[in-house]
Amino acid sequence: MRILVVGAGAIGGYFGARLIAAGRDVTFLVRSRRAEQLRRDGLVVVSPLGNLNLPTPSLVSAEELHGAYDLIIVSSKSYDLEGSIKDFAPGVGPNSRVLPLLNGMRHLDVLDARFGAQRVLGGVARISSTLDADGRIQQLGSFNALVFGARVPGADPLIDAIAVALRVSGFEAHLSSDILLEMWEKWVFIAAAASTTTLMRATVGDILAAGAGDIPERLMQECAAVAAENGFAPRDAATNAGLAVLTAPGSGFTASMLRDIEQGSRIEADHIVGDLLRRAANPSRTSLLATAHAHLRAYEARRRRETGAV
């Protein structure tokens, strides 16, 4: 199976590297700056589960991309999705499948409109990782799972072959029979975590030390209520796991969105928080989430004013 990984960043680069190490046929679609870095230094993963150093990963640019791939893994930020689609579209054939690993749900509408819903799978990446200043992928923590599946169970004749290709020793790969619920459950947690830590500009431990443990609890409740209104009420196990992370005394946990803000970077405020708000049937029940979204939009406005950036 020919696999194209769009980008070689903290998520796609990690899973792509593990697949290469297991002998899978993987090519990375990268821009010129990242290609130069990878050709010079190789693709490096630093992980508590074992480091990888791939000196010559297969790379292709958008201009060089020809011929269809069987599986295209997309893990770009939501604000880069349109550009990524333009780059990888020549690699999508009649029997190709696109596996997006973005958070939220709106990207499915975008991909469906471009390629047709029958070619777009559902996916969830469960990993905490980042790129360091030298372009190495640093895995934070020891969990690394890829959850995927056909959005209509039993409707994709290729899903079993994809599952075989993704099941390697380097990470857990789970074929889900209810991938949309899994995506909503992660979205609820990501939105609550981002809203909590960016609104307070603090770690979970510091928020609890300030006596504000009700804030993450309320945000989890508001986000879960929106999911339920849309027919995807989170299961108790997912809710309890999320609350355990967001209410752990002394925890240094922050959402990646807060780290982006602290670095003055672009954020996915509208895709993660704003889109969830738009799906709320009763806005009066999401008042704290709306406050967090306003806080994020204010950051974006200030960033545009001070830097002229998008």
C-alpha atoms as a PDB file:
ATOM      1  CA  MET A   1       0.000   0.000   0.000  1.00  0.00           C
ATOM      2  CA  ARG A   2       1.379   3.393  -1.035  1.00  0.00           C
ATOM      3  CA  ILE A   3       0.958   5.912   1.782  1.00  0.00           C
ATOM      4  CA  LEU A   4       1.358   9.667   1.440  1.00  0.00           C
ATOM      5  CA  VAL A   5       1.771  11.690   4.633  1.00  0.00           C
ATOM      6  CA  VAL A   6       0.992  15.357   4.100  1.00  0.00           C
ATOM      7  CA  GLY A   7       3.679  17.217   6.025  1.00  0.00           C
ATOM      8  CA  ALA A   8       6.301  15.850   8.359  1.00  0.00           C
ATOM      9  CA  GLY A   9       5.403  17.673  11.525  1.00  0.00           C
ATOM     10  CA  ALA A  10       4.743  16.590  15.080  1.00  0.00           C
ATOM     11  CA  ILE A  11       1.775  14.324  14.235  1.00  0.00           C
ATOM     12  CA  GLY A  12       2.148  13.180  10.636  1.00  0.00           C
ATOM     13  CA  GLY A  13       5.912  12.969  10.914  1.00  0.00           C
ATOM     14  CA  TYR A  14       5.663  10.813  14.021  1.00  0.00           C
ATOM     15  CA  PHE A  15       3.228   8.243  12.643  1.00  0.00           C
ATOM     16  CA  GLY A  16       4.892   8.296   9.231  1.00  0.00           C
ATOM     17  CA  ALA A  17       8.283   7.609  10.795  1.00  0.00           C
ATOM     18  CA  ARG A  18       6.912   4.669  12.772  1.00  0.00           C
ATOM     19  CA  LEU A  19       5.342   3.254   9.611  1.00  0.00           C
ATOM     20  CA  ILE A  20       8.628   3.562   7.706  1.00  0.00           C
ATOM     21  CA  ALA A  21      10.493   1.834  10.537  1.00  0.00           C
ATOM     22  CA  ALA A  22       8.023  -1.046  10.176  1.00  0.00           C
ATOM     23  CA  GLY A  23       8.740  -1.344   6.467  1.00  0.00           C
ATOM     24  CA  ARG A  24       5.704   0.436   5.053  1.00  0.00           C
ATOM     25  CA  ASP A  25       5.896   2.371   1.760  1.00  0.00           C
ATOM     26  CA  VAL A  26       5.606   5.969   2.992  1.00  0.00           C
ATOM     27  CA  THR A  27       6.321   9.254   1.221  1.00  0.00           C
ATOM     28  CA  PHE A  28       6.148  12.678   2.872  1.00  0.00           C
ATOM     29  CA  LEU A  29       4.683  15.616   0.967  1.00  0.00           C
ATOM     30  CA  VAL A  30       6.656  18.597   2.283  1.00  0.00           C
ATOM     31  CA  ARG A  31       7.407  22.218   1.479  1.00  0.00           C
ATOM     32  CA  SER A  32      10.901  23.282   0.442  1.00  0.00           C
ATOM     33  CA  ARG A  33      12.114  24.462   3.859  1.00  0.00           C
ATOM     34  CA  ARG A  34      11.155  21.230   5.635  1.00  0.00           C
ATOM     35  CA  ALA A  35      12.529  19.179   2.719  1.00  0.00           C
ATOM     36  CA  GLU A  36      15.905  20.893   3.025  1.00  0.00           C
ATOM     37  CA  GLN A  37      15.960  20.234   6.772  1.00  0.00           C
ATOM     38  CA  LEU A  38      15.048  16.560   6.362  1.00  0.00           C
ATOM     39  CA  ARG A  39      17.623  15.999   3.628  1.00  0.00           C
ATOM     40  CA  ARG A  40      20.289  17.553   5.813  1.00  0.00           C
ATOM     41  CA  ASP A  41      19.412  16.076   9.219  1.00  0.00           C
ATOM     42  CA  GLY A  42      17.075  13.178   8.477  1.00  0.00           C
ATOM     43  CA  LEU A  43      13.735  12.564  10.160  1.00  0.00           C
ATOM     44  CA  VAL A  44      14.395  12.281  13.881  1.00  0.00           C
ATOM     45  CA  VAL A  45      11.920  11.137  16.537  1.00  0.00           C
ATOM     46  CA  VAL A  46      12.819  11.435  20.215  1.00  0.00           C
ATOM     47  CA  SER A  47      10.462   9.265  22.236  1.00  0.00           C
ATOM     48  CA  PRO A  48      10.295   7.417  25.553  1.00  0.00           C
ATOM     49  CA  LEU A  49       9.142   4.458  23.463  1.00  0.00           C
ATOM     50  CA  GLY A  50      12.318   4.445  21.410  1.00  0.00           C
ATOM     51  CA  ASN A  51      14.083   7.002  19.249  1.00  0.00           C
ATOM     52  CA  LEU A  52      14.180   6.912  15.455  1.00  0.00           C
ATOM     53  CA  ASN A  53      16.653   8.443  13.039  1.00  0.00           C
ATOM     54  CA  LEU A  54      15.680   8.014   9.392  1.00  0.00           C
ATOM     55  CA  PRO A  55      18.460   9.602   7.325  1.00  0.00           C
ATOM     56  CA  THR A  56      16.760   9.440   3.912  1.00  0.00           C
ATOM     57  CA  PRO A  57      12.952   9.495   4.160  1.00  0.00           C
ATOM     58  CA  SER A  58      11.136   9.548   0.820  1.00  0.00           C
ATOM     59  CA  LEU A  59      10.077  13.129   0.060  1.00  0.00           C
ATOM     60  CA  VAL A  60       8.011  14.753  -2.654  1.00  0.00           C
ATOM     61  CA  SER A  61       6.957  18.339  -3.335  1.00  0.00           C
ATOM     62  CA  ALA A  62       3.537  19.427  -4.570  1.00  0.00           C
ATOM     63  CA  GLU A  63       5.051  20.165  -7.979  1.00  0.00           C
ATOM     64  CA  GLU A  64       6.517  16.662  -8.176  1.00  0.00           C
ATOM     65  CA  LEU A  65       3.414  14.804  -7.002  1.00  0.00           C
ATOM     66  CA  HIS A  66       2.052  12.520  -9.697  1.00  0.00           C
ATOM     67  CA  GLY A  67       0.076   9.294  -9.519  1.00  0.00           C
ATOM     68  CA  ALA A  68      -2.461   8.135  -6.962  1.00  0.00           C
ATOM     69  CA  TYR A  69      -1.682   6.952  -3.433  1.00  0.00           C
ATOM     70  CA  ASP A  70      -3.778   4.375  -1.633  1.00  0.00           C
ATOM     71  CA  LEU A  71      -3.870   6.233   1.690  1.00  0.00           C
ATOM     72  CA  ILE A  72      -3.270   9.926   2.303  1.00  0.00           C
ATOM     73  CA  ILE A  73      -2.765  10.928   5.940  1.00  0.00           C
ATOM     74  CA  VAL A  74      -3.458  14.612   6.637  1.00  0.00           C
ATOM     75  CA  SER A  75      -2.497  16.226   9.937  1.00  0.00           C
ATOM     76  CA  SER A  76      -2.185  19.910   9.044  1.00  0.00           C
ATOM     77  CA  LYS A  77      -3.576  22.687  11.179  1.00  0.00           C
ATOM     78  CA  SER A  78      -7.115  23.670  10.217  1.00  0.00           C
ATOM     79  CA  TYR A  79      -5.981  27.050   8.881  1.00  0.00           C
ATOM     80  CA  ASP A  80      -3.563  25.285   6.505  1.00  0.00           C
ATOM     81  CA  LEU A  81      -6.100  22.740   5.245  1.00  0.00           C
ATOM     82  CA  GLU A  82      -7.060  24.516   2.012  1.00  0.00           C
ATOM     83  CA  GLY A  83      -3.412  24.867   1.032  1.00  0.00           C
ATOM     84  CA  SER A  84      -2.732  21.245   1.931  1.00  0.00           C
ATOM     85  CA  ILE A  85      -5.660  20.064  -0.197  1.00  0.00           C
ATOM     86  CA  LYS A  86      -4.305  21.964  -3.180  1.00  0.00           C
ATOM     87  CA  ASP A  87      -0.920  20.298  -2.664  1.00  0.00           C
ATOM     88  CA  PHE A  88      -2.064  16.682  -2.263  1.00  0.00           C
ATOM     89  CA  ALA A  89      -5.092  16.651  -4.594  1.00  0.00           C
ATOM     90  CA  PRO A  90      -3.044  15.278  -7.542  1.00  0.00           C
ATOM     91  CA  GLY A  91      -2.318  12.189  -5.407  1.00  0.00           C
ATOM     92  CA  VAL A  92      -6.011  11.335  -4.907  1.00  0.00           C
ATOM     93  CA  GLY A  93      -7.311   8.684  -7.291  1.00  0.00           C
ATOM     94  CA  PRO A  94     -10.630   6.815  -7.629  1.00  0.00           C
ATOM     95  CA  ASN A  95      -9.636   4.271  -4.960  1.00  0.00           C
ATOM     96  CA  SER A  96      -7.661   6.569  -2.679  1.00  0.00           C
ATOM     97  CA  ARG A  97      -8.682   7.171   0.914  1.00  0.00           C
ATOM     98  CA  VAL A  98      -7.973  10.359   2.846  1.00  0.00           C
ATOM     99  CA  LEU A  99      -7.389   9.955   6.587  1.00  0.00           C
ATOM    100  CA  PRO A 100      -7.525  13.365   8.321  1.00  0.00           C
ATOM    101  CA  LEU A 101      -6.140  13.619  11.854  1.00  0.00           C
ATOM    102  CA  LEU A 102      -7.367  17.139  12.571  1.00  0.00           C
ATOM    103  CA  ASN A 103      -9.347  17.957  15.690  1.00  0.00           C
ATOM    104  CA  GLY A 104     -12.974  19.039  15.457  1.00  0.00           C
ATOM    105  CA  MET A 105     -15.376  18.174  12.659  1.00  0.00           C
ATOM    106  CA  ARG A 106     -15.546  21.022  10.147  1.00  0.00           C
ATOM    107  CA  HIS A 107     -12.623  19.685   8.099  1.00  0.00           C
ATOM    108  CA  LEU A 108     -14.794  16.732   7.086  1.00  0.00           C
ATOM    109  CA  ASP A 109     -17.163  19.082   5.272  1.00  0.00           C
ATOM    110  CA  VAL A 110     -14.247  20.673   3.417  1.00  0.00           C
ATOM    111  CA  LEU A 111     -12.712  17.338   2.407  1.00  0.00           C
ATOM    112  CA  ASP A 112     -16.083  15.830   1.456  1.00  0.00           C
ATOM    113  CA  ALA A 113     -16.825  18.779  -0.825  1.00  0.00           C
ATOM    114  CA  ARG A 114     -13.499  18.362  -2.608  1.00  0.00           C
ATOM    115  CA  PHE A 115     -13.103  14.573  -2.828  1.00  0.00           C
ATOM    116  CA  GLY A 116     -16.489  13.045  -1.996  1.00  0.00           C
ATOM    117  CA  ALA A 117     -17.500  11.580   1.359  1.00  0.00           C
ATOM    118  CA  GLN A 118     -16.823   8.025   0.177  1.00  0.00           C
ATOM    119  CA  ARG A 119     -13.079   8.779   0.026  1.00  0.00           C
ATOM    120  CA  VAL A 120     -12.789  10.491   3.433  1.00  0.00           C
ATOM    121  CA  LEU A 121     -12.303   8.433   6.587  1.00  0.00           C
ATOM    122  CA  GLY A 122     -12.636   9.561  10.171  1.00  0.00           C
ATOM    123  CA  GLY A 123      -9.524   9.712  12.322  1.00  0.00           C
ATOM    124  CA  VAL A 124      -8.196  10.622  15.753  1.00  0.00           C
ATOM    125  CA  ALA A 125      -4.559  10.972  16.790  1.00  0.00           C
ATOM    126  CA  ARG A 126      -3.955  10.343  20.472  1.00  0.00           C
ATOM    127  CA  ILE A 127      -0.463  11.636  21.047  1.00  0.00           C
ATOM    128  CA  SER A 128       1.246  14.661  22.533  1.00  0.00           C
ATOM    129  CA  SER A 129       4.206  15.682  20.413  1.00  0.00           C
ATOM    130  CA  THR A 130       5.965  18.784  19.165  1.00  0.00           C
ATOM    131  CA  LEU A 131       8.713  19.906  16.816  1.00  0.00           C
ATOM    132  CA  ASP A 132      11.765  21.328  18.555  1.00  0.00           C
ATOM    133  CA  ALA A 133      13.954  24.144  17.252  1.00  0.00           C
ATOM    134  CA  ASP A 134      16.050  21.668  15.263  1.00  0.00           C
ATOM    135  CA  GLY A 135      13.053  20.071  13.549  1.00  0.00           C
ATOM    136  CA  ARG A 136      13.133  16.895  15.620  1.00  0.00           C
ATOM    137  CA  ILE A 137       9.822  15.347  16.667  1.00  0.00           C
ATOM    138  CA  GLN A 138       9.629  15.180  20.442  1.00  0.00           C
ATOM    139  CA  GLN A 139       7.019  12.819  21.869  1.00  0.00           C
ATOM    140  CA  LEU A 140       5.661  14.102  25.190  1.00  0.00           C
ATOM    141  CA  GLY A 141       4.431  11.182  27.258  1.00  0.00           C
ATOM    142  CA  SER A 142       4.138   7.540  26.301  1.00  0.00           C
ATOM    143  CA  PHE A 143       0.716   7.275  24.661  1.00  0.00           C
ATOM    144  CA  ASN A 144       0.597   7.077  20.862  1.00  0.00           C
ATOM    145  CA  ALA A 145      -2.559   5.730  19.288  1.00  0.00           C
ATOM    146  CA  LEU A 146      -4.147   6.208  15.890  1.00  0.00           C
ATOM    147  CA  VAL A 147      -7.907   5.603  15.747  1.00  0.00           C
ATOM    148  CA  PHE A 148      -9.588   5.436  12.347  1.00  0.00           C
ATOM    149  CA  GLY A 149     -12.602   4.051  10.577  1.00  0.00           C
ATOM    150  CA  ALA A 150     -15.237   4.409   7.905  1.00  0.00           C
ATOM    151  CA  ARG A 151     -17.766   7.053   8.878  1.00  0.00           C
ATOM    152  CA  VAL A 152     -20.562   4.682   7.819  1.00  0.00           C
ATOM    153  CA  PRO A 153     -19.701   1.318   9.432  1.00  0.00           C
ATOM    154  CA  GLY A 154     -19.308  -1.478   6.921  1.00  0.00           C
ATOM    155  CA  ALA A 155     -19.540   0.855   3.945  1.00  0.00           C
ATOM    156  CA  ASP A 156     -15.884   0.911   2.900  1.00  0.00           C
ATOM    157  CA  PRO A 157     -14.499  -2.240   1.264  1.00  0.00           C
ATOM    158  CA  LEU A 158     -10.923  -0.961   1.621  1.00  0.00           C
ATOM    159  CA  ILE A 159     -10.927  -0.308   5.367  1.00  0.00           C
ATOM    160  CA  ASP A 160      -9.627  -3.753   6.347  1.00  0.00           C
ATOM    161  CA  ALA A 161      -6.610  -3.428   4.033  1.00  0.00           C
ATOM    162  CA  ILE A 162      -5.911   0.004   5.501  1.00  0.00           C
ATOM    163  CA  ALA A 163      -6.108  -1.468   8.993  1.00  0.00           C
ATOM    164  CA  VAL A 164      -3.525  -4.108   8.088  1.00  0.00           C
ATOM    165  CA  ALA A 165      -1.187  -1.448   6.712  1.00  0.00           C
ATOM    166  CA  LEU A 166      -1.463   0.715   9.835  1.00  0.00           C
ATOM    167  CA  ARG A 167      -0.997  -2.053  12.385  1.00  0.00           C
ATOM    168  CA  VAL A 168       2.700  -1.863  13.165  1.00  0.00           C
ATOM    169  CA  SER A 169       4.758  -2.311  16.307  1.00  0.00           C
ATOM    170  CA  GLY A 170       5.532   1.396  16.718  1.00  0.00           C
ATOM    171  CA  PHE A 171       2.084   2.594  17.832  1.00  0.00           C
ATOM    172  CA  GLU A 172      -1.422   1.390  18.575  1.00  0.00           C
ATOM    173  CA  ALA A 173      -3.796   1.417  15.590  1.00  0.00           C
ATOM    174  CA  HIS A 174      -7.488   0.937  16.349  1.00  0.00           C
ATOM    175  CA  LEU A 175     -10.124   0.356  13.695  1.00  0.00           C
ATOM    176  CA  SER A 176     -13.241   1.903  15.213  1.00  0.00           C
ATOM    177  CA  SER A 177     -16.800   0.939  14.390  1.00  0.00           C
ATOM    178  CA  ASP A 178     -17.986   4.351  15.676  1.00  0.00           C
ATOM    179  CA  ILE A 179     -15.290   6.781  14.600  1.00  0.00           C
ATOM    180  CA  LEU A 180     -17.560   9.840  14.609  1.00  0.00           C
ATOM    181  CA  LEU A 181     -18.292   9.341  18.308  1.00  0.00           C
ATOM    182  CA  GLU A 182     -14.553   8.974  18.966  1.00  0.00           C
ATOM    183  CA  MET A 183     -13.931  12.230  17.101  1.00  0.00           C
ATOM    184  CA  TRP A 184     -16.627  14.069  19.060  1.00  0.00           C
ATOM    185  CA  GLU A 185     -15.277  12.755  22.355  1.00  0.00           C
ATOM    186  CA  LYS A 186     -11.813  14.051  21.555  1.00  0.00           C
ATOM    187  CA  TRP A 187     -13.258  17.356  20.354  1.00  0.00           C
ATOM    188  CA  VAL A 188     -15.095  17.824  23.651  1.00  0.00           C
ATOM    189  CA  PHE A 189     -11.873  17.285  25.583  1.00  0.00           C
ATOM    190  CA  ILE A 190      -9.690  19.412  23.286  1.00  0.00           C
ATOM    191  CA  ALA A 191     -12.167  22.300  23.336  1.00  0.00           C
ATOM    192  CA  ALA A 192     -12.530  22.159  27.118  1.00  0.00           C
ATOM    193  CA  ALA A 193      -8.771  21.889  27.657  1.00  0.00           C
ATOM    194  CA  ALA A 194      -7.971  24.724  25.258  1.00  0.00           C
ATOM    195  CA  SER A 195     -10.694  26.938  26.709  1.00  0.00           C
ATOM    196  CA  THR A 196      -9.660  26.243  30.311  1.00  0.00           C
ATOM    197  CA  THR A 197      -5.921  26.792  30.034  1.00  0.00           C
ATOM    198  CA  THR A 198      -6.043  29.708  27.566  1.00  0.00           C
ATOM    199  CA  LEU A 199      -8.784  31.531  29.460  1.00  0.00           C
ATOM    200  CA  MET A 200      -6.810  31.231  32.693  1.00  0.00           C
ATOM    201  CA  ARG A 201      -3.361  31.383  31.026  1.00  0.00           C
ATOM    202  CA  ALA A 202      -2.210  28.741  33.466  1.00  0.00           C
ATOM    203  CA  THR A 203      -1.533  25.050  33.985  1.00  0.00           C
ATOM    204  CA  VAL A 204      -4.211  22.777  35.386  1.00  0.00           C
ATOM    205  CA  GLY A 205      -2.319  22.581  38.673  1.00  0.00           C
ATOM    206  CA  ASP A 206      -2.173  26.357  39.039  1.00  0.00           C
ATOM    207  CA  ILE A 207      -5.865  26.680  38.173  1.00  0.00           C
ATOM    208  CA  LEU A 208      -6.762  24.229  40.921  1.00  0.00           C
ATOM    209  CA  ALA A 209      -4.375  25.921  43.350  1.00  0.00           C
ATOM    210  CA  ALA A 210      -6.287  29.158  42.716  1.00  0.00           C
ATOM    211  CA  GLY A 211      -9.507  27.469  43.806  1.00  0.00           C
ATOM    212  CA  ALA A 212     -10.930  27.564  40.286  1.00  0.00           C
ATOM    213  CA  GLY A 213     -11.465  23.854  39.723  1.00  0.00           C
ATOM    214  CA  ASP A 214     -15.078  24.544  38.776  1.00  0.00           C
ATOM    215  CA  ILE A 215     -13.945  26.168  35.519  1.00  0.00           C
ATOM    216  CA  PRO A 216     -12.660  23.025  33.748  1.00  0.00           C
ATOM    217  CA  GLU A 217     -15.630  21.074  35.102  1.00  0.00           C
ATOM    218  CA  ARG A 218     -18.118  23.622  33.731  1.00  0.00           C
ATOM    219  CA  LEU A 219     -16.361  23.766  30.377  1.00  0.00           C
ATOM    220  CA  MET A 220     -16.375  19.979  30.055  1.00  0.00           C
ATOM    221  CA  GLN A 221     -20.094  19.994  30.848  1.00  0.00           C
ATOM    222  CA  GLU A 222     -20.841  22.710  28.288  1.00  0.00           C
ATOM    223  CA  CYS A 223     -18.816  21.025  25.536  1.00  0.00           C
ATOM    224  CA  ALA A 224     -20.344  17.615  26.295  1.00  0.00           C
ATOM    225  CA  ALA A 225     -23.832  19.127  26.172  1.00  0.00           C
ATOM    226  CA  VAL A 226     -23.197  20.414  22.630  1.00  0.00           C
ATOM    227  CA  ALA A 227     -22.000  16.972  21.572  1.00  0.00           C
ATOM    228  CA  ALA A 228     -25.137  15.398  23.037  1.00  0.00           C
ATOM    229  CA  GLU A 229     -27.351  17.905  21.223  1.00  0.00           C
ATOM    230  CA  ASN A 230     -25.719  16.759  17.991  1.00  0.00           C
ATOM    231  CA  GLY A 231     -26.350  13.089  18.709  1.00  0.00           C
ATOM    232  CA  PHE A 232     -22.901  12.194  20.054  1.00  0.00           C
ATOM    233  CA  ALA A 233     -23.125  12.249  23.834  1.00  0.00           C
ATOM    234  CA  PRO A 234     -19.672  11.315  25.199  1.00  0.00           C
ATOM    235  CA  ARG A 235     -19.442   8.017  27.006  1.00  0.00           C
ATOM    236  CA  ASP A 236     -18.787   8.056  30.736  1.00  0.00           C
ATOM    237  CA  ALA A 237     -15.279   6.658  30.280  1.00  0.00           C
ATOM    238  CA  ALA A 238     -14.287   9.504  27.936  1.00  0.00           C
ATOM    239  CA  THR A 239     -15.819  12.146  30.203  1.00  0.00           C
ATOM    240  CA  ASN A 240     -14.158  10.772  33.325  1.00  0.00           C
ATOM    241  CA  ALA A 241     -10.776  10.499  31.588  1.00  0.00           C
ATOM    242  CA  GLY A 242     -11.005  14.093  30.401  1.00  0.00           C
ATOM    243  CA  LEU A 243     -12.009  15.390  33.811  1.00  0.00           C
ATOM    244  CA  ALA A 244      -9.149  13.471  35.418  1.00  0.00           C
ATOM    245  CA  VAL A 245      -6.665  15.342  33.231  1.00  0.00           C
ATOM    246  CA  LEU A 246      -8.278  18.751  33.761  1.00  0.00           C
ATOM    247  CA  THR A 247      -8.713  18.446  37.537  1.00  0.00           C
ATOM    248  CA  ALA A 248      -5.433  16.837  38.595  1.00  0.00           C
ATOM    249  CA  PRO A 249      -3.831  18.759  41.497  1.00  0.00           C
ATOM    250  CA  GLY A 250      -0.282  19.886  40.779  1.00  0.00           C
ATOM    251  CA  SER A 251      -0.528  18.980  37.094  1.00  0.00           C
ATOM    252  CA  GLY A 252       1.642  20.868  34.627  1.00  0.00           C
ATOM    253  CA  PHE A 253      -0.777  20.134  31.783  1.00  0.00           C
ATOM    254  CA  THR A 254      -1.670  22.885  29.317  1.00  0.00           C
ATOM    255  CA  ALA A 255      -3.374  22.659  25.957  1.00  0.00           C
ATOM    256  CA  SER A 256      -1.166  23.124  22.910  1.00  0.00           C
ATOM    257  CA  MET A 257      -3.236  26.201  22.059  1.00  0.00           C
ATOM    258  CA  LEU A 258      -1.889  27.946  25.161  1.00  0.00           C
ATOM    259  CA  ARG A 259       1.660  27.077  24.117  1.00  0.00           C
ATOM    260  CA  ASP A 260       0.909  28.576  20.697  1.00  0.00           C
ATOM    261  CA  ILE A 261      -0.369  31.771  22.327  1.00  0.00           C
ATOM    262  CA  GLU A 262       2.698  32.031  24.540  1.00  0.00           C
ATOM    263  CA  GLN A 263       4.857  31.789  21.395  1.00  0.00           C
ATOM    264  CA  GLY A 264       2.774  34.391  19.569  1.00  0.00           C
ATOM    265  CA  SER A 265       1.684  31.819  16.994  1.00  0.00           C
ATOM    266  CA  ARG A 266      -1.492  31.371  15.010  1.00  0.00           C
ATOM    267  CA  ILE A 267      -4.226  29.339  16.733  1.00  0.00           C
ATOM    268  CA  GLU A 268      -7.232  27.201  15.780  1.00  0.00           C
ATOM    269  CA  ALA A 269      -9.727  29.195  17.846  1.00  0.00           C
ATOM    270  CA  ASP A 270     -12.581  29.105  15.359  1.00  0.00           C
ATOM    271  CA  HIS A 271     -12.107  25.496  14.281  1.00  0.00           C
ATOM    272  CA  ILE A 272     -11.881  24.072  17.810  1.00  0.00           C
ATOM    273  CA  VAL A 273     -13.995  26.400  19.954  1.00  0.00           C
ATOM    274  CA  GLY A 274     -15.990  28.607  17.587  1.00  0.00           C
ATOM    275  CA  ASP A 275     -17.355  25.738  15.498  1.00  0.00           C
ATOM    276  CA  LEU A 276     -18.472  23.908  18.632  1.00  0.00           C
ATOM    277  CA  LEU A 277     -20.344  27.015  19.748  1.00  0.00           C
ATOM    278  CA  ARG A 278     -22.076  27.274  16.372  1.00  0.00           C
ATOM    279  CA  ARG A 279     -23.421  23.748  16.821  1.00  0.00           C
ATOM    280  CA  ALA A 280     -25.017  24.550  20.208  1.00  0.00           C
ATOM    281  CA  ALA A 281     -28.808  24.359  20.132  1.00  0.00           C
ATOM    282  CA  ASN A 282     -29.122  26.538  23.236  1.00  0.00           C
ATOM    283  CA  PRO A 283     -26.400  29.247  23.423  1.00  0.00           C
ATOM    284  CA  SER A 284     -27.484  30.192  26.948  1.00  0.00           C
ATOM    285  CA  ARG A 285     -25.978  26.877  28.137  1.00  0.00           C
ATOM    286  CA  THR A 286     -22.510  27.642  26.713  1.00  0.00           C
ATOM    287  CA  SER A 287     -21.809  31.002  28.336  1.00  0.00           C
ATOM    288  CA  LEU A 288     -18.367  30.081  29.701  1.00  0.00           C
ATOM    289  CA  LEU A 289     -17.344  28.525  26.387  1.00  0.00           C
ATOM    290  CA  ALA A 290     -18.450  31.724  24.632  1.00  0.00           C
ATOM    291  CA  THR A 291     -16.312  33.755  27.045  1.00  0.00           C
ATOM    292  CA  ALA A 292     -13.294  31.571  26.298  1.00  0.00           C
ATOM    293  CA  HIS A 293     -13.901  31.971  22.555  1.00  0.00           C
ATOM    294  CA  ALA A 294     -14.072  35.754  22.926  1.00  0.00           C
ATOM    295  CA  HIS A 295     -10.771  35.627  24.808  1.00  0.00           C
ATOM    296  CA  LEU A 296      -9.177  33.679  21.953  1.00  0.00           C
ATOM    297  CA  ARG A 297     -10.579  36.031  19.309  1.00  0.00           C
ATOM    298  CA  ALA A 298      -9.198  38.995  21.243  1.00  0.00           C
ATOM    299  CA  TYR A 299      -5.750  37.375  21.142  1.00  0.00           C
ATOM    300  CA  GLU A 300      -6.104  36.895  17.384  1.00  0.00           C
ATOM    301  CA  ALA A 301      -7.140  40.527  16.911  1.00  0.00           C
ATOM    302  CA  ARG A 302      -4.170  41.777  18.921  1.00  0.00           C
ATOM    303  CA  ARG A 303      -1.792  39.489  17.034  1.00  0.00           C
ATOM    304  CA  ARG A 304      -3.049  40.807  13.688  1.00  0.00           C
ATOM    305  CA  ARG A 305      -2.741  44.390  14.870  1.00  0.00           C
ATOM    306  CA  GLU A 306       0.772  43.989  16.240  1.00  0.00           C
ATOM    307  CA  THR A 307       2.267  41.738  13.557  1.00  0.00           C
ATOM    308  CA  GLY A 308       0.102  42.167  10.487  1.00  0.00           C
ATOM    309  CA  ALA A 309      -0.066  38.356  10.321  1.00  0.00           C
ATOM    310  CA  VAL A 310      -3.215  36.425   9.434  1.00  0.00           C
END
